[in-house]
Amino acid sequence: MLASVKPGESLSSHFWPNERERPPREVRQIVDSNDPVALAALSRGMPNVTVTEGVLRSNRVPILGVFGEHDPQQVEGASMKGVASNFAMRVIPGLDHNTLAGSEEFKSAIREFISKRRVPR
């Protein structure tokens, strides 16, 4: 789908062709600010990115997974519990995969996670 986006077309109109199903304007703006050619390249390369269970178990870096309550990706996040060391999962009520990124709750969860891990100077 990404390869079919023509210059000047909004990326969000390809993700959500049915206007009634489009997420809030803020989310569409985030999506539309992306480069479709770069996203297509990233998408093609994703199958080559793997992290073994052993690496996740030995991880020492804090990881935060933030998901909307209605996000189908939440299942993948939950599967990391008990596998990835230092993994925390946050579920934001009422949101889904499309509405999460532009929400204040998402930003707040990230700020809170980072602020708890600041190293004193």
N, C-alpha and C. Protein backbone atom coordinates (compact mmCIF):
# COMPACT_ATOMS: atom_id res chain seq x y z
N MET A 1 0.83 -1.19 0.00
CA MET A 1 0.00 0.00 0.00
C MET A 1 0.87 1.26 0.00
N LEU A 2 1.96 1.25 0.75
CA LEU A 2 2.82 2.43 0.85
C LEU A 2 3.41 2.83 -0.50
N ALA A 3 3.71 1.84 -1.31
CA ALA A 3 4.30 2.13 -2.62
C ALA A 3 3.29 2.79 -3.56
N SER A 4 2.00 2.69 -3.26
CA SER A 4 0.99 3.28 -4.13
C SER A 4 0.68 4.74 -3.82
N VAL A 5 1.26 5.28 -2.74
CA VAL A 5 1.01 6.67 -2.37
C VAL A 5 1.75 7.59 -3.34
N LYS A 6 1.00 8.44 -4.00
CA LYS A 6 1.59 9.36 -4.98
C LYS A 6 2.01 10.66 -4.28
N PRO A 7 3.03 11.34 -4.81
CA PRO A 7 3.44 12.61 -4.22
C PRO A 7 2.25 13.56 -4.09
N GLY A 8 2.12 14.17 -2.93
CA GLY A 8 1.04 15.11 -2.68
C GLY A 8 -0.19 14.47 -2.04
N GLU A 9 -0.30 13.15 -2.08
CA GLU A 9 -1.43 12.48 -1.44
C GLU A 9 -1.15 12.31 0.05
N SER A 10 -2.21 12.36 0.84
CA SER A 10 -2.02 12.15 2.28
C SER A 10 -1.90 10.65 2.55
N LEU A 11 -0.94 10.32 3.36
CA LEU A 11 -0.72 8.93 3.75
C LEU A 11 -1.91 8.40 4.54
N SER A 12 -2.48 9.26 5.39
CA SER A 12 -3.60 8.81 6.22
C SER A 12 -4.81 8.40 5.40
N SER A 13 -5.01 9.02 4.23
CA SER A 13 -6.16 8.64 3.40
C SER A 13 -5.99 7.23 2.83
N HIS A 14 -4.76 6.74 2.78
CA HIS A 14 -4.52 5.37 2.34
C HIS A 14 -4.70 4.38 3.49
N PHE A 15 -4.30 4.79 4.68
CA PHE A 15 -4.48 3.92 5.85
C PHE A 15 -5.96 3.80 6.21
N TRP A 16 -6.68 4.90 6.09
CA TRP A 16 -8.10 4.93 6.44
C TRP A 16 -8.90 5.49 5.27
N PRO A 17 -9.13 4.68 4.23
CA PRO A 17 -9.84 5.20 3.06
C PRO A 17 -11.29 5.61 3.36
N ASN A 18 -11.90 4.99 4.36
CA ASN A 18 -13.27 5.34 4.75
C ASN A 18 -13.19 6.52 5.72
N GLU A 19 -13.64 7.66 5.27
CA GLU A 19 -13.53 8.89 6.06
C GLU A 19 -14.16 8.78 7.44
N ARG A 20 -15.22 8.01 7.57
CA ARG A 20 -15.91 7.85 8.87
C ARG A 20 -15.07 7.06 9.88
N GLU A 21 -14.07 6.32 9.40
CA GLU A 21 -13.25 5.49 10.29
C GLU A 21 -11.90 6.12 10.61
N ARG A 22 -11.67 7.33 10.14
CA ARG A 22 -10.38 7.97 10.36
C ARG A 22 -10.21 8.40 11.82
N PRO A 23 -8.99 8.33 12.32
CA PRO A 23 -8.71 8.76 13.70
C PRO A 23 -8.74 10.28 13.80
N PRO A 24 -8.56 10.81 15.00
CA PRO A 24 -8.55 12.27 15.17
C PRO A 24 -7.50 12.96 14.30
N ARG A 25 -7.73 14.22 14.03
CA ARG A 25 -6.85 15.03 13.17
C ARG A 25 -5.40 14.96 13.63
N GLU A 26 -5.16 14.99 14.94
CA GLU A 26 -3.79 14.97 15.45
C GLU A 26 -3.06 13.70 15.01
N VAL A 27 -3.76 12.58 15.04
CA VAL A 27 -3.15 11.31 14.63
C VAL A 27 -2.89 11.31 13.13
N ARG A 28 -3.84 11.81 12.35
CA ARG A 28 -3.66 11.89 10.90
C ARG A 28 -2.46 12.78 10.56
N GLN A 29 -2.28 13.86 11.30
CA GLN A 29 -1.14 14.75 11.04
C GLN A 29 0.18 14.03 11.30
N ILE A 30 0.23 13.24 12.35
CA ILE A 30 1.45 12.47 12.65
C ILE A 30 1.73 11.50 11.51
N VAL A 31 0.71 10.78 11.08
CA VAL A 31 0.87 9.82 9.98
C VAL A 31 1.29 10.53 8.70
N ASP A 32 0.62 11.64 8.39
CA ASP A 32 0.90 12.37 7.15
C ASP A 32 2.28 13.01 7.13
N SER A 33 2.91 13.19 8.29
CA SER A 33 4.24 13.79 8.33
C SER A 33 5.34 12.79 7.97
N ASN A 34 4.97 11.52 7.81
CA ASN A 34 5.93 10.48 7.45
C ASN A 34 6.19 10.45 5.95
N ASP A 35 7.33 9.93 5.58
CA ASP A 35 7.71 9.74 4.18
C ASP A 35 7.29 8.34 3.76
N PRO A 36 6.31 8.20 2.84
CA PRO A 36 5.84 6.88 2.45
C PRO A 36 6.93 5.98 1.85
N VAL A 37 7.88 6.56 1.13
CA VAL A 37 8.97 5.77 0.55
C VAL A 37 9.84 5.18 1.67
N ALA A 38 10.14 6.00 2.67
CA ALA A 38 10.95 5.53 3.81
C ALA A 38 10.18 4.47 4.61
N LEU A 39 8.89 4.69 4.81
CA LEU A 39 8.09 3.70 5.55
C LEU A 39 8.01 2.38 4.79
N ALA A 40 7.90 2.44 3.46
CA ALA A 40 7.86 1.22 2.66
C ALA A 40 9.17 0.44 2.82
N ALA A 41 10.30 1.16 2.79
CA ALA A 41 11.61 0.51 2.98
C ALA A 41 11.70 -0.11 4.37
N LEU A 42 11.24 0.61 5.37
CA LEU A 42 11.24 0.09 6.74
C LEU A 42 10.39 -1.17 6.83
N SER A 43 9.23 -1.13 6.23
CA SER A 43 8.31 -2.27 6.25
C SER A 43 8.94 -3.50 5.59
N ARG A 44 9.61 -3.29 4.47
CA ARG A 44 10.27 -4.41 3.78
C ARG A 44 11.39 -5.00 4.64
N GLY A 45 12.04 -4.18 5.45
CA GLY A 45 13.16 -4.66 6.25
C GLY A 45 12.76 -5.28 7.58
N MET A 46 11.54 -5.07 8.03
CA MET A 46 11.13 -5.55 9.35
C MET A 46 11.26 -7.07 9.55
N PRO A 47 10.99 -7.90 8.54
CA PRO A 47 11.16 -9.35 8.77
C PRO A 47 12.58 -9.74 9.13
N ASN A 48 13.55 -8.91 8.80
CA ASN A 48 14.95 -9.22 9.09
C ASN A 48 15.37 -8.77 10.49
N VAL A 49 14.49 -8.10 11.21
CA VAL A 49 14.81 -7.62 12.54
C VAL A 49 14.26 -8.63 13.56
N THR A 50 15.16 -9.29 14.24
CA THR A 50 14.72 -10.25 15.25
C THR A 50 15.53 -10.05 16.52
N VAL A 51 14.89 -10.32 17.61
CA VAL A 51 15.55 -10.30 18.91
C VAL A 51 15.23 -11.64 19.55
N THR A 52 16.25 -12.37 19.90
CA THR A 52 16.03 -13.70 20.46
C THR A 52 15.50 -13.61 21.89
N GLU A 53 14.88 -14.68 22.32
CA GLU A 53 14.37 -14.73 23.69
C GLU A 53 15.52 -14.60 24.69
N GLY A 54 16.66 -15.17 24.37
CA GLY A 54 17.82 -15.07 25.25
C GLY A 54 18.27 -13.63 25.45
N VAL A 55 18.26 -12.85 24.37
CA VAL A 55 18.63 -11.44 24.45
C VAL A 55 17.60 -10.69 25.31
N LEU A 56 16.33 -10.97 25.10
CA LEU A 56 15.30 -10.31 25.91
C LEU A 56 15.45 -10.66 27.38
N ARG A 57 15.72 -11.92 27.67
CA ARG A 57 15.88 -12.33 29.07
C ARG A 57 17.07 -11.68 29.75
N SER A 58 18.13 -11.43 28.98
CA SER A 58 19.33 -10.84 29.58
C SER A 58 19.34 -9.31 29.51
N ASN A 59 18.33 -8.74 28.93
CA ASN A 59 18.25 -7.28 28.79
C ASN A 59 18.33 -6.58 30.14
N ARG A 60 19.10 -5.50 30.19
CA ARG A 60 19.20 -4.72 31.42
C ARG A 60 18.64 -3.31 31.25
N VAL A 61 18.21 -2.97 30.03
CA VAL A 61 17.68 -1.64 29.73
C VAL A 61 16.17 -1.66 29.96
N PRO A 62 15.64 -0.71 30.70
CA PRO A 62 14.19 -0.65 30.91
C PRO A 62 13.44 -0.50 29.59
N ILE A 63 12.36 -1.25 29.46
CA ILE A 63 11.52 -1.23 28.26
C ILE A 63 10.10 -0.89 28.68
N LEU A 64 9.47 0.03 27.95
CA LEU A 64 8.07 0.36 28.19
C LEU A 64 7.28 0.05 26.94
N GLY A 65 6.23 -0.72 27.08
CA GLY A 65 5.28 -0.96 26.01
C GLY A 65 3.99 -0.25 26.36
N VAL A 66 3.54 0.66 25.51
CA VAL A 66 2.30 1.40 25.77
C VAL A 66 1.30 1.00 24.69
N PHE A 67 0.13 0.58 25.13
CA PHE A 67 -0.90 0.10 24.22
C PHE A 67 -2.24 0.69 24.59
N GLY A 68 -3.07 0.88 23.57
CA GLY A 68 -4.45 1.25 23.82
C GLY A 68 -5.22 0.02 24.27
N GLU A 69 -6.24 0.24 25.07
CA GLU A 69 -7.08 -0.86 25.57
C GLU A 69 -7.63 -1.72 24.43
N HIS A 70 -7.92 -1.12 23.30
CA HIS A 70 -8.52 -1.82 22.17
C HIS A 70 -7.51 -2.06 21.04
N ASP A 71 -6.23 -2.06 21.37
CA ASP A 71 -5.17 -2.26 20.38
C ASP A 71 -4.91 -3.76 20.21
N PRO A 72 -5.05 -4.29 18.99
CA PRO A 72 -4.78 -5.72 18.80
C PRO A 72 -3.31 -6.08 19.06
N GLN A 73 -2.41 -5.10 19.01
CA GLN A 73 -0.99 -5.35 19.27
C GLN A 73 -0.72 -5.59 20.76
N GLN A 74 -1.69 -5.32 21.59
CA GLN A 74 -1.53 -5.51 23.03
C GLN A 74 -1.15 -6.95 23.36
N VAL A 75 -1.61 -7.90 22.56
CA VAL A 75 -1.29 -9.32 22.78
C VAL A 75 0.22 -9.55 22.70
N GLU A 76 0.85 -8.92 21.70
CA GLU A 76 2.31 -9.05 21.56
C GLU A 76 3.03 -8.44 22.76
N GLY A 77 2.52 -7.32 23.24
CA GLY A 77 3.11 -6.70 24.41
C GLY A 77 3.01 -7.59 25.63
N ALA A 78 1.84 -8.15 25.83
CA ALA A 78 1.63 -9.02 26.98
C ALA A 78 2.53 -10.25 26.92
N SER A 79 2.86 -10.71 25.71
CA SER A 79 3.72 -11.89 25.59
C SER A 79 5.15 -11.60 26.03
N MET A 80 5.53 -10.32 26.11
CA MET A 80 6.88 -9.98 26.56
C MET A 80 7.01 -10.02 28.07
N LYS A 81 5.88 -9.93 28.77
CA LYS A 81 5.94 -10.02 30.23
C LYS A 81 6.52 -11.37 30.62
N GLY A 82 7.42 -11.37 31.54
CA GLY A 82 8.00 -12.62 31.99
C GLY A 82 9.14 -13.11 31.10
N VAL A 83 9.31 -12.49 29.93
CA VAL A 83 10.40 -12.87 29.04
C VAL A 83 11.47 -11.78 29.05
N ALA A 84 11.04 -10.57 28.77
CA ALA A 84 11.98 -9.45 28.70
C ALA A 84 12.23 -8.90 30.10
N SER A 85 13.49 -8.88 30.47
CA SER A 85 13.84 -8.29 31.75
C SER A 85 13.57 -6.79 31.69
N ASN A 86 13.17 -6.23 32.79
CA ASN A 86 12.92 -4.79 32.89
C ASN A 86 11.81 -4.29 31.97
N PHE A 87 10.81 -5.14 31.70
CA PHE A 87 9.71 -4.76 30.81
C PHE A 87 8.52 -4.29 31.64
N ALA A 88 8.00 -3.13 31.27
CA ALA A 88 6.77 -2.61 31.89
C ALA A 88 5.76 -2.38 30.78
N MET A 89 4.52 -2.69 31.06
CA MET A 89 3.47 -2.51 30.07
C MET A 89 2.40 -1.60 30.64
N ARG A 90 1.99 -0.65 29.84
CA ARG A 90 0.97 0.31 30.23
C ARG A 90 -0.17 0.22 29.23
N VAL A 91 -1.39 0.06 29.68
CA VAL A 91 -2.57 0.01 28.82
C VAL A 91 -3.41 1.25 29.10
N ILE A 92 -3.69 2.00 28.03
CA ILE A 92 -4.45 3.24 28.16
C ILE A 92 -5.91 2.95 27.84
N PRO A 93 -6.80 3.13 28.82
CA PRO A 93 -8.22 2.83 28.63
C PRO A 93 -8.85 3.64 27.49
N GLY A 94 -9.73 2.97 26.75
CA GLY A 94 -10.54 3.63 25.73
C GLY A 94 -9.86 3.89 24.41
N LEU A 95 -8.55 3.64 24.31
CA LEU A 95 -7.84 3.96 23.07
C LEU A 95 -7.52 2.69 22.28
N ASP A 96 -7.17 2.88 21.00
CA ASP A 96 -6.76 1.77 20.17
C ASP A 96 -5.42 2.11 19.52
N HIS A 97 -4.98 1.29 18.59
CA HIS A 97 -3.67 1.49 17.96
C HIS A 97 -3.59 2.84 17.24
N ASN A 98 -4.68 3.26 16.65
CA ASN A 98 -4.69 4.49 15.86
C ASN A 98 -4.83 5.76 16.71
N THR A 99 -5.52 5.67 17.81
CA THR A 99 -5.76 6.86 18.62
C THR A 99 -4.73 7.05 19.73
N LEU A 100 -3.91 6.07 19.98
CA LEU A 100 -2.96 6.12 21.08
C LEU A 100 -1.87 7.17 20.88
N ALA A 101 -1.22 7.17 19.71
CA ALA A 101 -0.02 8.00 19.51
C ALA A 101 -0.25 9.49 19.74
N GLY A 102 -1.40 10.00 19.39
CA GLY A 102 -1.64 11.43 19.55
C GLY A 102 -2.23 11.81 20.89
N SER A 103 -2.43 10.85 21.77
CA SER A 103 -3.11 11.13 23.04
C SER A 103 -2.17 11.68 24.10
N GLU A 104 -2.73 12.49 24.97
CA GLU A 104 -1.96 13.01 26.11
C GLU A 104 -1.58 11.88 27.06
N GLU A 105 -2.42 10.87 27.17
CA GLU A 105 -2.13 9.73 28.05
C GLU A 105 -0.87 9.00 27.61
N PHE A 106 -0.69 8.86 26.29
CA PHE A 106 0.50 8.22 25.74
C PHE A 106 1.75 9.03 26.10
N LYS A 107 1.68 10.33 25.83
CA LYS A 107 2.82 11.21 26.13
C LYS A 107 3.14 11.20 27.62
N SER A 108 2.10 11.22 28.43
CA SER A 108 2.29 11.22 29.87
C SER A 108 2.94 9.92 30.35
N ALA A 109 2.52 8.79 29.79
CA ALA A 109 3.10 7.50 30.18
C ALA A 109 4.59 7.46 29.87
N ILE A 110 4.97 8.00 28.71
CA ILE A 110 6.38 8.01 28.33
C ILE A 110 7.18 8.96 29.23
N ARG A 111 6.63 10.15 29.46
CA ARG A 111 7.33 11.10 30.34
C ARG A 111 7.54 10.51 31.73
N GLU A 112 6.50 9.89 32.26
CA GLU A 112 6.59 9.29 33.60
C GLU A 112 7.65 8.19 33.63
N PHE A 113 7.66 7.34 32.61
CA PHE A 113 8.63 6.24 32.53
C PHE A 113 10.05 6.78 32.49
N ILE A 114 10.27 7.78 31.66
CA ILE A 114 11.62 8.36 31.52
C ILE A 114 12.03 9.09 32.80
N SER A 115 11.13 9.83 33.39
CA SER A 115 11.49 10.61 34.58
C SER A 115 11.88 9.72 35.76
N LYS A 116 11.34 8.54 35.83
CA LYS A 116 11.69 7.62 36.92
C LYS A 116 13.05 6.96 36.71
N ARG A 117 13.63 7.13 35.54
CA ARG A 117 14.87 6.48 35.22
C ARG A 117 16.02 7.43 34.97
N ARG A 118 15.85 8.66 35.34
CA ARG A 118 16.92 9.65 35.15
C ARG A 118 18.08 9.32 36.07
N VAL A 119 19.24 9.45 35.52
CA VAL A 119 20.46 9.21 36.32
C VAL A 119 20.94 10.56 36.84
N PRO A 120 21.18 10.68 38.15
CA PRO A 120 21.66 11.95 38.69
C PRO A 120 23.00 12.33 38.08
N ARG A 121 23.21 13.61 37.89
CA ARG A 121 24.50 14.09 37.31
C ARG A 121 25.53 14.25 38.38
